[in-house]
Amino acid sequence: MGRKMIEVISLHDYTLEELLDKKRSLTSSYSFNILLAVTMRYQKVHTDEIARILGLSKPTILEYIHKWNEIGMEALEDHRGGSKSEFTDEMIDDLKDIIIHKCPADEGFSSFSWNCNLLAEYIEKKYNRRYSPEWIRRILIKNGYSYKKGQYKPTLSSAADQLAFKKNDGPSKYCRKFF
């Protein structure tokens, strides 16, 4: 004899039709999946079949149904986490300003061009917060900044070779990878 399947104990003063209407109005896929799993299980669809349809694991479906049985409609709220960036708008504006208008030598560094390592040191020195150069790079990309290293350009070569240096031109012996 097998184990008894989990049941939806109560619809918490909602009708099945009200829950189906609510499901159609949800924008969060997390909430939608919970409500779909609950309504399907209430209609006696097997838990394994629900897991297959939703593309989730059986323990996840069981967790959804347990949460629904315990707290009802509050189970639809997404409390899975995520974090709020500690990198403030003031810091982003300062980073933009310093990249455009100042030289690293003006800030006490021994370089004349900014890179992510120097920007991370600058942020640490000014705001007393440590960020990795990779995080600084991602912030810069997110804000529309990019950096290209200097590249050899044969100004005295033929016009066809000079055209090969243009970005996104086809493969050439001078081609470099853009990322």
Protein backbone atom coordinates (compact mmCIF):
# COMPACT_ATOMS: atom_id res chain seq x y z
CA MET A 1 0.00 0.00 0.00
CA GLY A 2 1.42 3.37 -1.01
CA ARG A 3 1.67 6.61 0.79
CA LYS A 4 -1.40 8.86 0.86
CA MET A 5 -1.18 11.70 -1.65
CA ILE A 6 -1.16 15.27 -0.46
CA GLU A 7 -4.51 17.01 -0.63
CA VAL A 8 -5.58 20.63 -0.83
CA ILE A 9 -7.43 20.84 2.48
CA SER A 10 -9.32 24.06 1.83
CA LEU A 11 -9.74 26.75 -0.80
CA HIS A 12 -9.80 29.32 2.05
CA ASP A 13 -13.26 30.76 1.32
CA TYR A 14 -12.65 30.96 -2.44
CA THR A 15 -14.44 29.03 -5.12
CA LEU A 16 -12.55 27.18 -7.81
CA GLU A 17 -13.83 29.66 -10.42
CA GLU A 18 -12.57 32.63 -8.37
CA LEU A 19 -9.13 31.04 -8.11
CA LEU A 20 -9.03 30.36 -11.85
CA ASP A 21 -9.98 34.01 -12.52
CA LYS A 22 -7.30 35.15 -10.08
CA LYS A 23 -4.77 32.90 -11.83
CA ARG A 24 -5.46 34.62 -15.17
CA SER A 25 -4.79 38.07 -13.68
CA LEU A 26 -1.44 37.17 -12.06
CA THR A 27 1.73 38.64 -13.56
CA SER A 28 4.28 36.75 -11.44
CA SER A 29 5.18 33.33 -12.79
CA TYR A 30 5.94 32.20 -9.24
CA SER A 31 2.42 33.05 -8.02
CA PHE A 32 0.89 31.64 -11.20
CA ASN A 33 2.66 28.31 -10.69
CA ILE A 34 1.53 28.04 -7.08
CA LEU A 35 -2.09 28.76 -7.91
CA LEU A 36 -2.03 26.44 -10.91
CA ALA A 37 -0.54 23.62 -8.81
CA VAL A 38 -3.16 24.14 -6.08
CA THR A 39 -6.12 24.23 -8.47
CA MET A 40 -4.88 21.19 -10.40
CA ARG A 41 -4.31 19.20 -7.21
CA TYR A 42 -7.76 20.25 -5.94
CA GLN A 43 -9.17 18.80 -9.17
CA LYS A 44 -7.41 15.49 -8.35
CA VAL A 45 -4.59 15.77 -10.91
CA HIS A 46 -1.69 13.57 -9.75
CA THR A 47 1.28 15.41 -8.22
CA ASP A 48 3.72 13.83 -10.65
CA GLU A 49 1.61 15.05 -13.58
CA ILE A 50 1.53 18.60 -12.13
CA ALA A 51 5.31 18.53 -11.76
CA ARG A 52 5.69 17.39 -15.37
CA ILE A 53 3.30 20.05 -16.72
CA LEU A 54 4.89 22.91 -14.78
CA GLY A 55 8.43 21.67 -15.32
CA LEU A 56 9.12 21.73 -11.59
CA SER A 57 10.22 19.06 -9.15
CA LYS A 58 7.77 17.07 -7.08
CA PRO A 59 9.14 18.49 -3.78
CA THR A 60 8.51 22.01 -5.12
CA ILE A 61 4.89 21.13 -5.92
CA LEU A 62 4.49 19.61 -2.46
CA GLU A 63 5.94 22.74 -0.89
CA TYR A 64 3.46 24.91 -2.85
CA ILE A 65 0.52 22.85 -1.66
CA HIS A 66 1.73 22.77 1.96
CA LYS A 67 2.14 26.56 1.91
CA TRP A 68 -1.34 26.96 0.46
CA ASN A 69 -2.84 24.69 3.14
CA GLU A 70 -1.09 26.67 5.89
CA ILE A 71 -1.53 30.31 4.85
CA GLY A 72 -3.88 30.37 1.87
CA MET A 73 -3.68 33.30 -0.54
CA GLU A 74 -0.57 34.69 1.21
CA ALA A 75 1.34 31.72 -0.23
CA LEU A 76 1.22 33.50 -3.60
CA GLU A 77 3.52 36.28 -2.37
CA ASP A 78 7.07 35.83 -3.55
CA HIS A 79 9.42 35.96 -0.56
CA ARG A 80 12.29 34.13 -2.20
CA GLY A 81 14.75 36.92 -1.67
CA GLY A 82 16.91 38.86 -3.99
CA SER A 83 19.01 41.71 -2.84
CA LYS A 84 18.94 45.42 -3.13
CA SER A 85 22.15 46.91 -4.41
CA GLU A 86 24.22 48.89 -1.96
CA PHE A 87 25.68 50.76 -4.92
CA THR A 88 23.74 54.01 -4.64
CA ASP A 89 22.65 56.38 -7.40
CA GLU A 90 25.07 58.95 -5.98
CA MET A 91 27.94 56.51 -6.45
CA ILE A 92 26.86 55.77 -10.04
CA ASP A 93 26.63 59.47 -10.86
CA ASP A 94 30.05 60.04 -9.30
CA LEU A 95 31.50 57.17 -11.33
CA LYS A 96 30.06 58.59 -14.56
CA ASP A 97 31.39 62.05 -13.75
CA ILE A 98 34.86 60.87 -12.85
CA ILE A 99 35.20 58.70 -15.96
CA ILE A 100 34.22 61.53 -18.28
CA HIS A 101 35.78 64.57 -16.63
CA LYS A 102 38.78 63.45 -14.58
CA CYS A 103 42.03 61.63 -15.04
CA PRO A 104 43.18 58.98 -12.53
CA ALA A 105 46.31 61.07 -11.89
CA ASP A 106 44.03 63.86 -10.59
CA GLU A 107 42.80 61.45 -7.93
CA GLY A 108 46.24 60.32 -6.83
CA PHE A 109 46.65 57.21 -9.00
CA SER A 110 49.74 56.60 -11.10
CA SER A 111 47.87 56.07 -14.35
CA PHE A 112 46.40 58.29 -17.00
CA SER A 113 43.46 56.12 -18.05
CA TRP A 114 40.71 54.56 -15.98
CA ASN A 115 40.22 50.82 -15.68
CA CYS A 116 37.93 48.75 -13.48
CA ASN A 117 40.63 48.08 -10.89
CA LEU A 118 41.30 51.79 -10.46
CA LEU A 119 37.59 52.58 -10.29
CA ALA A 120 37.12 49.92 -7.59
CA GLU A 121 40.00 51.47 -5.61
CA TYR A 122 38.51 54.93 -6.09
CA ILE A 123 35.11 53.78 -4.77
CA GLU A 124 36.77 52.10 -1.79
CA LYS A 125 38.82 55.20 -1.01
CA LYS A 126 35.94 57.65 -1.34
CA TYR A 127 32.96 55.67 0.02
CA ASN A 128 34.78 53.13 2.20
CA ARG A 129 33.00 50.25 0.42
CA ARG A 130 34.80 47.47 -1.38
CA TYR A 131 33.55 46.24 -4.75
CA SER A 132 35.23 43.87 -7.16
CA PRO A 133 36.46 45.18 -10.50
CA GLU A 134 34.04 42.77 -12.18
CA TRP A 135 31.10 44.36 -10.34
CA ILE A 136 32.30 47.82 -11.43
CA ARG A 137 32.55 46.55 -15.02
CA ARG A 138 28.98 45.26 -14.90
CA ILE A 139 27.71 48.55 -13.53
CA LEU A 140 29.49 50.45 -16.30
CA ILE A 141 28.07 48.17 -18.99
CA LYS A 142 24.59 48.48 -17.48
CA ASN A 143 24.92 52.26 -17.74
CA GLY A 144 26.03 52.18 -21.37
CA TYR A 145 29.79 52.57 -20.99
CA SER A 146 32.29 50.46 -22.87
CA TYR A 147 36.04 50.39 -23.24
CA LYS A 148 38.13 49.32 -26.17
CA LYS A 149 41.85 48.84 -26.00
CA GLY A 150 43.97 50.66 -28.51
CA GLN A 151 44.57 48.64 -31.61
CA TYR A 152 47.19 48.86 -34.31
CA LYS A 153 45.79 50.61 -37.36
CA PRO A 154 47.81 50.61 -40.56
CA THR A 155 47.10 54.12 -41.82
CA LEU A 156 49.45 53.68 -44.72
CA SER A 157 47.86 50.46 -45.97
CA SER A 158 45.33 50.08 -48.75
CA ALA A 159 41.77 51.33 -48.44
CA ALA A 160 40.46 47.74 -48.30
CA ASP A 161 42.71 46.94 -45.33
CA GLN A 162 41.62 50.12 -43.58
CA LEU A 163 37.96 49.16 -44.03
CA ALA A 164 38.71 45.81 -42.38
CA PHE A 165 39.32 47.66 -39.11
CA LYS A 166 35.78 48.92 -38.84
CA LYS A 167 33.69 47.32 -36.11
CA ASN A 168 31.66 44.25 -37.09
CA ASP A 169 33.33 44.03 -40.47
CA GLY A 170 33.87 40.50 -41.67
CA PRO A 171 36.83 38.37 -40.68
CA SER A 172 40.25 39.76 -41.44
CA LYS A 173 43.77 39.25 -40.18
CA TYR A 174 43.20 42.28 -37.91
CA CYS A 175 39.89 41.06 -36.51
CA ARG A 176 39.42 41.11 -32.76
CA LYS A 177 36.74 39.75 -30.52
CA PHE A 178 34.10 42.16 -29.21
CA PHE A 179 32.39 41.25 -25.94
